[in-house]
Amino acid sequence: MVQSGYGQPYGGAPAPQINNNLGIAIVGLLLFWPVGLFALINSTKVNGLVAQGDFHGATEAANQAKKMGKLAIIIGAVLWALSILGCCAAVLISASTSGS
């Protein structure tokens, strides 16, 4: 039997395509980097694990990247919303106290 090429398990069957969730990880990194960084790290592990034939590990890394990416997006969105509301409140308070 001929050994299969890169990214294919022994036997010639094509490797399954596993979404690495890189987009979610990048958005999470931009919105809340402490959690988004872990999402990005897990996302970059997926393709290497698929190439090694570790499909279970690749699926777990992809799921972890998706979960951490979503968490970073939620935390980041809440913090941005609170920041905007705080700025608006500061402007309104400043405007109301500086009147004649």
PDB file of N, CA and C in Angstrom:
ATOM      1  N   MET A   1       0.840  -1.173   0.000  1.00  0.00           N
ATOM      2  CA  MET A   1       0.000   0.000   0.000  1.00  0.00           C
ATOM      3  C   MET A   1       0.891   1.244   0.000  1.00  0.00           C
ATOM      4  N   VAL A   2       0.510   2.229  -0.766  1.00  0.00           N
ATOM      5  CA  VAL A   2       1.265   3.466  -0.868  1.00  0.00           C
ATOM      6  C   VAL A   2       0.868   4.373   0.281  1.00  0.00           C
ATOM      7  N   GLN A   3       1.872   4.992   0.881  1.00  0.00           N
ATOM      8  CA  GLN A   3       1.586   5.897   1.992  1.00  0.00           C
ATOM      9  C   GLN A   3       0.889   7.144   1.463  1.00  0.00           C
ATOM     10  N   SER A   4      -0.115   7.587   2.206  1.00  0.00           N
ATOM     11  CA  SER A   4      -0.902   8.729   1.753  1.00  0.00           C
ATOM     12  C   SER A   4      -0.108  10.025   1.876  1.00  0.00           C
ATOM     13  N   GLY A   5      -0.598  11.050   1.181  1.00  0.00           N
ATOM     14  CA  GLY A   5       0.074  12.345   1.183  1.00  0.00           C
ATOM     15  C   GLY A   5      -0.202  13.141   2.448  1.00  0.00           C
ATOM     16  N   TYR A   6       0.337  14.318   2.493  1.00  0.00           N
ATOM     17  CA  TYR A   6       0.210  15.217   3.638  1.00  0.00           C
ATOM     18  C   TYR A   6      -1.259  15.551   3.866  1.00  0.00           C
ATOM     19  N   GLY A   7      -1.713  15.421   5.100  1.00  0.00           N
ATOM     20  CA  GLY A   7      -3.070  15.786   5.448  1.00  0.00           C
ATOM     21  C   GLY A   7      -4.081  14.681   5.221  1.00  0.00           C
ATOM     22  N   GLN A   8      -3.627  13.497   4.821  1.00  0.00           N
ATOM     23  CA  GLN A   8      -4.542  12.393   4.616  1.00  0.00           C
ATOM     24  C   GLN A   8      -4.176  11.246   5.542  1.00  0.00           C
ATOM     25  N   PRO A   9      -5.171  10.648   6.179  1.00  0.00           N
ATOM     26  CA  PRO A   9      -4.872   9.494   7.017  1.00  0.00           C
ATOM     27  C   PRO A   9      -4.399   8.327   6.173  1.00  0.00           C
ATOM     28  N   TYR A  10      -3.694   7.401   6.778  1.00  0.00           N
ATOM     29  CA  TYR A  10      -3.173   6.247   6.063  1.00  0.00           C
ATOM     30  C   TYR A  10      -4.334   5.473   5.467  1.00  0.00           C
ATOM     31  N   GLY A  11      -4.280   5.199   4.215  1.00  0.00           N
ATOM     32  CA  GLY A  11      -5.348   4.494   3.532  1.00  0.00           C
ATOM     33  C   GLY A  11      -5.918   5.317   2.394  1.00  0.00           C
ATOM     34  N   GLY A  12      -5.537   6.553   2.257  1.00  0.00           N
ATOM     35  CA  GLY A  12      -5.922   7.362   1.116  1.00  0.00           C
ATOM     36  C   GLY A  12      -7.218   8.129   1.256  1.00  0.00           C
ATOM     37  N   ALA A  13      -7.973   7.931   2.340  1.00  0.00           N
ATOM     38  CA  ALA A  13      -9.214   8.682   2.503  1.00  0.00           C
ATOM     39  C   ALA A  13      -8.876  10.142   2.791  1.00  0.00           C
ATOM     40  N   PRO A  14      -9.614  11.074   2.201  1.00  0.00           N
ATOM     41  CA  PRO A  14      -9.323  12.492   2.457  1.00  0.00           C
ATOM     42  C   PRO A  14      -9.630  12.863   3.910  1.00  0.00           C
ATOM     43  N   ALA A  15      -8.856  13.791   4.436  1.00  0.00           N
ATOM     44  CA  ALA A  15      -9.053  14.246   5.810  1.00  0.00           C
ATOM     45  C   ALA A  15     -10.328  15.082   5.888  1.00  0.00           C
ATOM     46  N   PRO A  16     -11.078  14.958   6.970  1.00  0.00           N
ATOM     47  CA  PRO A  16     -12.288  15.774   7.094  1.00  0.00           C
ATOM     48  C   PRO A  16     -11.933  17.243   7.259  1.00  0.00           C
ATOM     49  N   GLN A  17     -12.780  18.088   6.728  1.00  0.00           N
ATOM     50  CA  GLN A  17     -12.585  19.530   6.862  1.00  0.00           C
ATOM     51  C   GLN A  17     -13.184  19.979   8.191  1.00  0.00           C
ATOM     52  N   ILE A  18     -12.372  20.565   9.034  1.00  0.00           N
ATOM     53  CA  ILE A  18     -12.823  21.063  10.329  1.00  0.00           C
ATOM     54  C   ILE A  18     -12.634  22.569  10.328  1.00  0.00           C
ATOM     55  N   ASN A  19     -13.719  23.299  10.602  1.00  0.00           N
ATOM     56  CA  ASN A  19     -13.665  24.762  10.637  1.00  0.00           C
ATOM     57  C   ASN A  19     -12.836  25.187  11.847  1.00  0.00           C
ATOM     58  N   ASN A  20     -11.793  25.968  11.616  1.00  0.00           N
ATOM     59  CA  ASN A  20     -10.919  26.369  12.718  1.00  0.00           C
ATOM     60  C   ASN A  20     -11.433  27.600  13.462  1.00  0.00           C
ATOM     61  N   ASN A  21     -12.525  28.212  13.019  1.00  0.00           N
ATOM     62  CA  ASN A  21     -13.151  29.358  13.682  1.00  0.00           C
ATOM     63  C   ASN A  21     -12.187  30.532  13.850  1.00  0.00           C
ATOM     64  N   LEU A  22     -11.337  30.726  12.875  1.00  0.00           N
ATOM     65  CA  LEU A  22     -10.351  31.801  12.942  1.00  0.00           C
ATOM     66  C   LEU A  22     -11.013  33.182  12.923  1.00  0.00           C
ATOM     67  N   GLY A  23     -12.074  33.329  12.163  1.00  0.00           N
ATOM     68  CA  GLY A  23     -12.767  34.622  12.083  1.00  0.00           C
ATOM     69  C   GLY A  23     -13.336  35.046  13.431  1.00  0.00           C
ATOM     70  N   ILE A  24     -14.002  34.119  14.105  1.00  0.00           N
ATOM     71  CA  ILE A  24     -14.556  34.412  15.426  1.00  0.00           C
ATOM     72  C   ILE A  24     -13.434  34.753  16.400  1.00  0.00           C
ATOM     73  N   ALA A  25     -12.330  34.033  16.299  1.00  0.00           N
ATOM     74  CA  ALA A  25     -11.202  34.276  17.200  1.00  0.00           C
ATOM     75  C   ALA A  25     -10.595  35.657  16.977  1.00  0.00           C
ATOM     76  N   ILE A  26     -10.499  36.088  15.725  1.00  0.00           N
ATOM     77  CA  ILE A  26      -9.916  37.402  15.432  1.00  0.00           C
ATOM     78  C   ILE A  26     -10.833  38.524  15.928  1.00  0.00           C
ATOM     79  N   VAL A  27     -12.131  38.379  15.701  1.00  0.00           N
ATOM     80  CA  VAL A  27     -13.072  39.392  16.191  1.00  0.00           C
ATOM     81  C   VAL A  27     -13.034  39.444  17.717  1.00  0.00           C
ATOM     82  N   GLY A  28     -12.993  38.275  18.346  1.00  0.00           N
ATOM     83  CA  GLY A  28     -12.886  38.227  19.804  1.00  0.00           C
ATOM     84  C   GLY A  28     -11.603  38.865  20.301  1.00  0.00           C
ATOM     85  N   LEU A  29     -10.522  38.660  19.562  1.00  0.00           N
ATOM     86  CA  LEU A  29      -9.237  39.264  19.925  1.00  0.00           C
ATOM     87  C   LEU A  29      -9.312  40.787  19.857  1.00  0.00           C
ATOM     88  N   LEU A  30     -10.014  41.302  18.868  1.00  0.00           N
ATOM     89  CA  LEU A  30     -10.137  42.748  18.719  1.00  0.00           C
ATOM     90  C   LEU A  30     -11.036  43.377  19.782  1.00  0.00           C
ATOM     91  N   LEU A  31     -12.083  42.651  20.186  1.00  0.00           N
ATOM     92  CA  LEU A  31     -13.022  43.216  21.153  1.00  0.00           C
ATOM     93  C   LEU A  31     -12.576  43.048  22.598  1.00  0.00           C
ATOM     94  N   PHE A  32     -12.006  41.883  22.933  1.00  0.00           N
ATOM     95  CA  PHE A  32     -11.560  41.642  24.307  1.00  0.00           C
ATOM     96  C   PHE A  32     -10.377  40.687  24.243  1.00  0.00           C
ATOM     97  N   TRP A  33      -9.186  41.254  24.148  1.00  0.00           N
ATOM     98  CA  TRP A  33      -7.997  40.468  23.842  1.00  0.00           C
ATOM     99  C   TRP A  33      -7.624  39.410  24.882  1.00  0.00           C
ATOM    100  N   PRO A  34      -7.876  39.592  26.193  1.00  0.00           N
ATOM    101  CA  PRO A  34      -7.444  38.539  27.120  1.00  0.00           C
ATOM    102  C   PRO A  34      -8.073  37.175  26.831  1.00  0.00           C
ATOM    103  N   VAL A  35      -9.331  37.149  26.474  1.00  0.00           N
ATOM    104  CA  VAL A  35      -9.996  35.889  26.144  1.00  0.00           C
ATOM    105  C   VAL A  35      -9.807  35.566  24.664  1.00  0.00           C
ATOM    106  N   GLY A  36      -9.815  36.588  23.826  1.00  0.00           N
ATOM    107  CA  GLY A  36      -9.643  36.390  22.389  1.00  0.00           C
ATOM    108  C   GLY A  36      -8.310  35.766  22.032  1.00  0.00           C
ATOM    109  N   LEU A  37      -7.291  36.021  22.844  1.00  0.00           N
ATOM    110  CA  LEU A  37      -5.980  35.431  22.599  1.00  0.00           C
ATOM    111  C   LEU A  37      -6.023  33.907  22.724  1.00  0.00           C
ATOM    112  N   PHE A  38      -6.732  33.418  23.732  1.00  0.00           N
ATOM    113  CA  PHE A  38      -6.874  31.964  23.888  1.00  0.00           C
ATOM    114  C   PHE A  38      -7.663  31.357  22.727  1.00  0.00           C
ATOM    115  N   ALA A  39      -8.664  32.092  22.248  1.00  0.00           N
ATOM    116  CA  ALA A  39      -9.423  31.623  21.090  1.00  0.00           C
ATOM    117  C   ALA A  39      -8.526  31.539  19.859  1.00  0.00           C
ATOM    118  N   LEU A  40      -7.681  32.539  19.672  1.00  0.00           N
ATOM    119  CA  LEU A  40      -6.775  32.550  18.524  1.00  0.00           C
ATOM    120  C   LEU A  40      -5.762  31.413  18.607  1.00  0.00           C
ATOM    121  N   ILE A  41      -5.235  31.163  19.786  1.00  0.00           N
ATOM    122  CA  ILE A  41      -4.263  30.075  19.958  1.00  0.00           C
ATOM    123  C   ILE A  41      -4.901  28.732  19.619  1.00  0.00           C
ATOM    124  N   ASN A  42      -6.112  28.484  20.130  1.00  0.00           N
ATOM    125  CA  ASN A  42      -6.796  27.223  19.829  1.00  0.00           C
ATOM    126  C   ASN A  42      -7.142  27.121  18.351  1.00  0.00           C
ATOM    127  N   SER A  43      -7.502  28.239  17.749  1.00  0.00           N
ATOM    128  CA  SER A  43      -7.855  28.246  16.336  1.00  0.00           C
ATOM    129  C   SER A  43      -6.668  27.863  15.458  1.00  0.00           C
ATOM    130  N   THR A  44      -5.487  28.339  15.832  1.00  0.00           N
ATOM    131  CA  THR A  44      -4.313  28.031  15.014  1.00  0.00           C
ATOM    132  C   THR A  44      -3.826  26.602  15.208  1.00  0.00           C
ATOM    133  N   LYS A  45      -4.270  25.916  16.220  1.00  0.00           N
ATOM    134  CA  LYS A  45      -3.883  24.519  16.446  1.00  0.00           C
ATOM    135  C   LYS A  45      -4.627  23.543  15.533  1.00  0.00           C
ATOM    136  N   VAL A  46      -5.797  23.942  15.050  1.00  0.00           N
ATOM    137  CA  VAL A  46      -6.701  23.014  14.367  1.00  0.00           C
ATOM    138  C   VAL A  46      -6.071  22.395  13.128  1.00  0.00           C
ATOM    139  N   ASN A  47      -5.545  23.198  12.208  1.00  0.00           N
ATOM    140  CA  ASN A  47      -5.014  22.662  10.952  1.00  0.00           C
ATOM    141  C   ASN A  47      -3.834  21.726  11.182  1.00  0.00           C
ATOM    142  N   GLY A  48      -2.979  22.036  12.150  1.00  0.00           N
ATOM    143  CA  GLY A  48      -1.855  21.156  12.458  1.00  0.00           C
ATOM    144  C   GLY A  48      -2.308  19.817  12.997  1.00  0.00           C
ATOM    145  N   LEU A  49      -3.337  19.841  13.833  1.00  0.00           N
ATOM    146  CA  LEU A  49      -3.856  18.583  14.385  1.00  0.00           C
ATOM    147  C   LEU A  49      -4.521  17.737  13.310  1.00  0.00           C
ATOM    148  N   VAL A  50      -5.214  18.388  12.372  1.00  0.00           N
ATOM    149  CA  VAL A  50      -5.821  17.647  11.255  1.00  0.00           C
ATOM    150  C   VAL A  50      -4.720  17.015  10.413  1.00  0.00           C
ATOM    151  N   ALA A  51      -3.648  17.757  10.161  1.00  0.00           N
ATOM    152  CA  ALA A  51      -2.542  17.242   9.352  1.00  0.00           C
ATOM    153  C   ALA A  51      -1.872  16.050  10.029  1.00  0.00           C
ATOM    154  N   GLN A  52      -1.871  16.032  11.361  1.00  0.00           N
ATOM    155  CA  GLN A  52      -1.287  14.909  12.098  1.00  0.00           C
ATOM    156  C   GLN A  52      -2.242  13.724  12.203  1.00  0.00           C
ATOM    157  N   GLY A  53      -3.502  13.933  11.816  1.00  0.00           N
ATOM    158  CA  GLY A  53      -4.485  12.860  11.892  1.00  0.00           C
ATOM    159  C   GLY A  53      -5.238  12.833  13.208  1.00  0.00           C
ATOM    160  N   ASP A  54      -5.033  13.815  14.072  1.00  0.00           N
ATOM    161  CA  ASP A  54      -5.715  13.886  15.365  1.00  0.00           C
ATOM    162  C   ASP A  54      -7.011  14.671  15.185  1.00  0.00           C
ATOM    163  N   PHE A  55      -8.040  13.999  14.649  1.00  0.00           N
ATOM    164  CA  PHE A  55      -9.290  14.672  14.336  1.00  0.00           C
ATOM    165  C   PHE A  55     -10.088  14.995  15.595  1.00  0.00           C
ATOM    166  N   HIS A  56      -9.977  14.149  16.602  1.00  0.00           N
ATOM    167  CA  HIS A  56     -10.658  14.422  17.874  1.00  0.00           C
ATOM    168  C   HIS A  56     -10.056  15.669  18.528  1.00  0.00           C
ATOM    169  N   GLY A  57      -8.737  15.749  18.571  1.00  0.00           N
ATOM    170  CA  GLY A  57      -8.067  16.924  19.141  1.00  0.00           C
ATOM    171  C   GLY A  57      -8.361  18.182  18.350  1.00  0.00           C
ATOM    172  N   ALA A  58      -8.432  18.052  17.024  1.00  0.00           N
ATOM    173  CA  ALA A  58      -8.728  19.201  16.173  1.00  0.00           C
ATOM    174  C   ALA A  58     -10.150  19.701  16.404  1.00  0.00           C
ATOM    175  N   THR A  59     -11.075  18.772  16.561  1.00  0.00           N
ATOM    176  CA  THR A  59     -12.462  19.150  16.829  1.00  0.00           C
ATOM    177  C   THR A  59     -12.582  19.838  18.182  1.00  0.00           C
ATOM    178  N   GLU A  60     -11.879  19.315  19.187  1.00  0.00           N
ATOM    179  CA  GLU A  60     -11.906  19.939  20.511  1.00  0.00           C
ATOM    180  C   GLU A  60     -11.295  21.343  20.468  1.00  0.00           C
ATOM    181  N   ALA A  61     -10.191  21.503  19.769  1.00  0.00           N
ATOM    182  CA  ALA A  61      -9.555  22.819  19.655  1.00  0.00           C
ATOM    183  C   ALA A  61     -10.471  23.799  18.922  1.00  0.00           C
ATOM    184  N   ALA A  62     -11.147  23.326  17.879  1.00  0.00           N
ATOM    185  CA  ALA A  62     -12.070  24.187  17.131  1.00  0.00           C
ATOM    186  C   ALA A  62     -13.255  24.592  17.995  1.00  0.00           C
ATOM    187  N   ASN A  63     -13.792  23.651  18.758  1.00  0.00           N
ATOM    188  CA  ASN A  63     -14.913  23.967  19.639  1.00  0.00           C
ATOM    189  C   ASN A  63     -14.493  24.948  20.735  1.00  0.00           C
ATOM    190  N   GLN A  64     -13.302  24.749  21.277  1.00  0.00           N
ATOM    191  CA  GLN A  64     -12.786  25.655  22.312  1.00  0.00           C
ATOM    192  C   GLN A  64     -12.556  27.054  21.736  1.00  0.00           C
ATOM    193  N   ALA A  65     -12.029  27.125  20.519  1.00  0.00           N
ATOM    194  CA  ALA A  65     -11.812  28.417  19.867  1.00  0.00           C
ATOM    195  C   ALA A  65     -13.136  29.137  19.649  1.00  0.00           C
ATOM    196  N   LYS A  66     -14.153  28.399  19.229  1.00  0.00           N
ATOM    197  CA  LYS A  66     -15.464  29.002  18.999  1.00  0.00           C
ATOM    198  C   LYS A  66     -16.073  29.504  20.302  1.00  0.00           C
ATOM    199  N   LYS A  67     -15.982  28.688  21.347  1.00  0.00           N
ATOM    200  CA  LYS A  67     -16.540  29.065  22.640  1.00  0.00           C
ATOM    201  C   LYS A  67     -15.832  30.292  23.211  1.00  0.00           C
ATOM    202  N   MET A  68     -14.500  30.288  23.177  1.00  0.00           N
ATOM    203  CA  MET A  68     -13.740  31.418  23.713  1.00  0.00           C
ATOM    204  C   MET A  68     -13.935  32.670  22.851  1.00  0.00           C
ATOM    205  N   GLY A  69     -14.027  32.500  21.545  1.00  0.00           N
ATOM    206  CA  GLY A  69     -14.265  33.632  20.659  1.00  0.00           C
ATOM    207  C   GLY A  69     -15.603  34.292  20.930  1.00  0.00           C
ATOM    208  N   LYS A  70     -16.645  33.470  21.096  1.00  0.00           N
ATOM    209  CA  LYS A  70     -17.966  34.022  21.402  1.00  0.00           C
ATOM    210  C   LYS A  70     -17.965  34.722  22.756  1.00  0.00           C
ATOM    211  N   LEU A  71     -17.296  34.127  23.729  1.00  0.00           N
ATOM    212  CA  LEU A  71     -17.208  34.741  25.051  1.00  0.00           C
ATOM    213  C   LEU A  71     -16.502  36.094  24.973  1.00  0.00           C
ATOM    214  N   ALA A  72     -15.416  36.166  24.224  1.00  0.00           N
ATOM    215  CA  ALA A  72     -14.684  37.424  24.068  1.00  0.00           C
ATOM    216  C   ALA A  72     -15.538  38.473  23.368  1.00  0.00           C
ATOM    217  N   ILE A  73     -16.316  38.059  22.376  1.00  0.00           N
ATOM    218  CA  ILE A  73     -17.191  38.990  21.666  1.00  0.00           C
ATOM    219  C   ILE A  73     -18.264  39.531  22.610  1.00  0.00           C
ATOM    220  N   ILE A  74     -18.853  38.663  23.408  1.00  0.00           N
ATOM    221  CA  ILE A  74     -19.899  39.094  24.338  1.00  0.00           C
ATOM    222  C   ILE A  74     -19.332  40.048  25.385  1.00  0.00           C
ATOM    223  N   ILE A  75     -18.210  39.671  25.998  1.00  0.00           N
ATOM    224  CA  ILE A  75     -17.602  40.538  27.013  1.00  0.00           C
ATOM    225  C   ILE A  75     -17.190  41.868  26.401  1.00  0.00           C
ATOM    226  N   GLY A  76     -16.566  41.828  25.237  1.00  0.00           N
ATOM    227  CA  GLY A  76     -16.137  43.051  24.576  1.00  0.00           C
ATOM    228  C   GLY A  76     -17.297  43.960  24.218  1.00  0.00           C
ATOM    229  N   ALA A  77     -18.385  43.379  23.713  1.00  0.00           N
ATOM    230  CA  ALA A  77     -19.553  44.183  23.342  1.00  0.00           C
ATOM    231  C   ALA A  77     -20.173  44.837  24.572  1.00  0.00           C
ATOM    232  N   VAL A  78     -20.254  44.095  25.666  1.00  0.00           N
ATOM    233  CA  VAL A  78     -20.810  44.657  26.900  1.00  0.00           C
ATOM    234  C   VAL A  78     -19.919  45.794  27.409  1.00  0.00           C
ATOM    235  N   LEU A  79     -18.617  45.596  27.399  1.00  0.00           N
ATOM    236  CA  LEU A  79     -17.709  46.641  27.874  1.00  0.00           C
ATOM    237  C   LEU A  79     -17.761  47.881  26.986  1.00  0.00           C
ATOM    238  N   TRP A  80     -17.827  47.681  25.672  1.00  0.00           N
ATOM    239  CA  TRP A  80     -17.948  48.835  24.767  1.00  0.00           C
ATOM    240  C   TRP A  80     -19.253  49.571  25.024  1.00  0.00           C
ATOM    241  N   ALA A  81     -20.352  48.846  25.205  1.00  0.00           N
ATOM    242  CA  ALA A  81     -21.650  49.481  25.461  1.00  0.00           C
ATOM    243  C   ALA A  81     -21.619  50.267  26.774  1.00  0.00           C
ATOM    244  N   LEU A  82     -21.027  49.681  27.805  1.00  0.00           N
ATOM    245  CA  LEU A  82     -20.917  50.386  29.088  1.00  0.00           C
ATOM    246  C   LEU A  82     -20.046  51.630  28.963  1.00  0.00           C
ATOM    247  N   SER A  83     -18.995  51.544  28.180  1.00  0.00           N
ATOM    248  CA  SER A  83     -18.134  52.713  27.970  1.00  0.00           C
ATOM    249  C   SER A  83     -18.879  53.832  27.262  1.00  0.00           C
ATOM    250  N   ILE A  84     -19.630  53.485  26.250  1.00  0.00           N
ATOM    251  CA  ILE A  84     -20.401  54.499  25.514  1.00  0.00           C
ATOM    252  C   ILE A  84     -21.462  55.114  26.416  1.00  0.00           C
ATOM    253  N   LEU A  85     -22.163  54.271  27.177  1.00  0.00           N
ATOM    254  CA  LEU A  85     -23.171  54.799  28.100  1.00  0.00           C
ATOM    255  C   LEU A  85     -22.537  55.688  29.158  1.00  0.00           C
ATOM    256  N   GLY A  86     -21.363  55.310  29.651  1.00  0.00           N
ATOM    257  CA  GLY A  86     -20.663  56.127  30.638  1.00  0.00           C
ATOM    258  C   GLY A  86     -20.259  57.478  30.079  1.00  0.00           C
ATOM    259  N   CYS A  87     -19.790  57.492  28.851  1.00  0.00           N
ATOM    260  CA  CYS A  87     -19.423  58.765  28.211  1.00  0.00           C
ATOM    261  C   CYS A  87     -20.648  59.643  28.011  1.00  0.00           C
ATOM    262  N   CYS A  88     -21.755  59.047  27.566  1.00  0.00           N
ATOM    263  CA  CYS A  88     -22.985  59.823  27.384  1.00  0.00           C
ATOM    264  C   CYS A  88     -23.476  60.373  28.717  1.00  0.00           C
ATOM    265  N   ALA A  89     -23.418  59.567  29.758  1.00  0.00           N
ATOM    266  CA  ALA A  89     -23.839  60.019  31.082  1.00  0.00           C
ATOM    267  C   ALA A  89     -22.941  61.152  31.566  1.00  0.00           C
ATOM    268  N   ALA A  90     -21.660  61.062  31.337  1.00  0.00           N
ATOM    269  CA  ALA A  90     -20.727  62.111  31.755  1.00  0.00           C
ATOM    270  C   ALA A  90     -21.016  63.419  31.033  1.00  0.00           C
ATOM    271  N   VAL A  91     -21.320  63.327  29.747  1.00  0.00           N
ATOM    272  CA  VAL A  91     -21.644  64.533  28.971  1.00  0.00           C
ATOM    273  C   VAL A  91     -22.934  65.151  29.486  1.00  0.00           C
ATOM    274  N   LEU A  92     -23.938  64.331  29.741  1.00  0.00           N
ATOM    275  CA  LEU A  92     -25.222  64.855  30.223  1.00  0.00           C
ATOM    276  C   LEU A  92     -25.081  65.476  31.612  1.00  0.00           C
ATOM    277  N   ILE A  93     -24.344  64.844  32.488  1.00  0.00           N
ATOM    278  CA  ILE A  93     -24.129  65.391  33.823  1.00  0.00           C
ATOM    279  C   ILE A  93     -23.352  66.699  33.745  1.00  0.00           C
ATOM    280  N   SER A  94     -22.344  66.717  32.909  1.00  0.00           N
ATOM    281  CA  SER A  94     -21.540  67.930  32.744  1.00  0.00           C
ATOM    282  C   SER A  94     -22.392  69.070  32.175  1.00  0.00           C
ATOM    283  N   ALA A  95     -23.237  68.770  31.212  1.00  0.00           N
ATOM    284  CA  ALA A  95     -24.081  69.789  30.602  1.00  0.00           C
ATOM    285  C   ALA A  95     -25.125  70.311  31.587  1.00  0.00           C
ATOM    286  N   SER A  96     -25.653  69.432  32.426  1.00  0.00           N
ATOM    287  CA  SER A  96     -26.695  69.852  33.351  1.00  0.00           C
ATOM    288  C   SER A  96     -26.130  70.637  34.529  1.00  0.00           C
ATOM    289  N   THR A  97     -24.902  70.394  34.934  1.00  0.00           N
ATOM    290  CA  THR A  97     -24.321  71.106  36.062  1.00  0.00           C
ATOM    291  C   THR A  97     -23.636  72.408  35.674  1.00  0.00           C
ATOM    292  N   SER A  98     -23.318  72.566  34.411  1.00  0.00           N
ATOM    293  CA  SER A  98     -22.617  73.780  33.985  1.00  0.00           C
ATOM    294  C   SER A  98     -23.567  74.864  33.501  1.00  0.00           C
ATOM    295  N   GLY A  99     -24.864  74.627  33.584  1.00  0.00           N
ATOM    296  CA  GLY A  99     -25.834  75.626  33.139  1.00  0.00           C
ATOM    297  C   GLY A  99     -25.891  76.806  34.081  1.00  0.00           C
ATOM    298  N   SER A 100     -26.533  77.915  33.625  1.00  0.00           N
ATOM    299  CA  SER A 100     -26.598  79.107  34.467  1.00  0.00           C
ATOM    300  C   SER A 100     -27.615  78.989  35.561  1.00  0.00           C
TER     301      SER A 100
END
